[in-house]
C-alpha cells in the first residue's frame, strides 16, 4: 500500500482509539478497560487497511496516468503516432515510474527512425522494470541497428532468460552468431526459433543458409523450400 495512505490510516486509527477513550470517560467509567480500547482500535485500523488496499489498485487502474496510457495505446494502433507519443509523455509526467509508457514511446521513436531516442526509452523501461523481456528485446534490436552486435546479443540473451519462448530473440541471436562466424551456435539458436515458431520464414531462410555453409545441401534445400511455402 502507498506510504501516504498508510500514514493516513494509522493517524485515523489513533484518533479512533482516542475517541473510544473519551467515550468511556464521558460515560464516567472509573476503570477504563485499556485492553478493550486497544483491541477496538486495532480492529478499526485493520478494517481501514483492507478498504484502502481494495481502493488503491482501483485508483491506479483509473488514474489519469493510466487514462493517458490507454488512449495513447489506442491512438498508436490507429496510426496516430504523434498523438500517441504525446499521451505516453503525459502519462510519465504523472507517473515517472511508468515502464510501459517509456516502452511504447521507444516503439514509436523506432518506427520514426530516431534510434537514439528509442534506445533511451528502452533503457528507461528496463531500468524501471528489470524483468521486462520485450523491452530488452527491442533494446537489443536498437543496438543491432547501431552496429553494436555484442550489446545486442547480451540483450537478446536476457530476453530469453526472462521469456524462454521468445522466438524472435532466438532468431536474432542466431543471425548475430552467423555474422560473428560461429555457425554452430547460430544453428542452435535458429533451431530453437523454428521450434518455438514454426511459421518464422526468416528463421528457415537463415537456417537453410547455415546448412549450406555446413555442406548439408539436403537440409539446406528443405529449409529454403519451407520458407518459400510459408512466404
Foldseek 3Di string as FASTA:
>chain_A
DDPVLLVVLVVVLVVQLVVVVVVCVVVVDPDDPNVVSVVVSVVSSVVSVVVCVVVVVVCVCVPQLNVLQVVLVVCVVVPVNVSSLVSLVVSCVVPVLPLVSLQVNLVSCVVVVNLVSSLVSLVSSCVSPVLPLVSLQVNLVSCVVVPNNVSSLVSLVSSCVSPVLPLVSLQSNLVSCVVVVNLVSSLVSLVSSCVSPVLPLVSLQSNLVSCVVVVNNVSSVVSPVSSVVSD
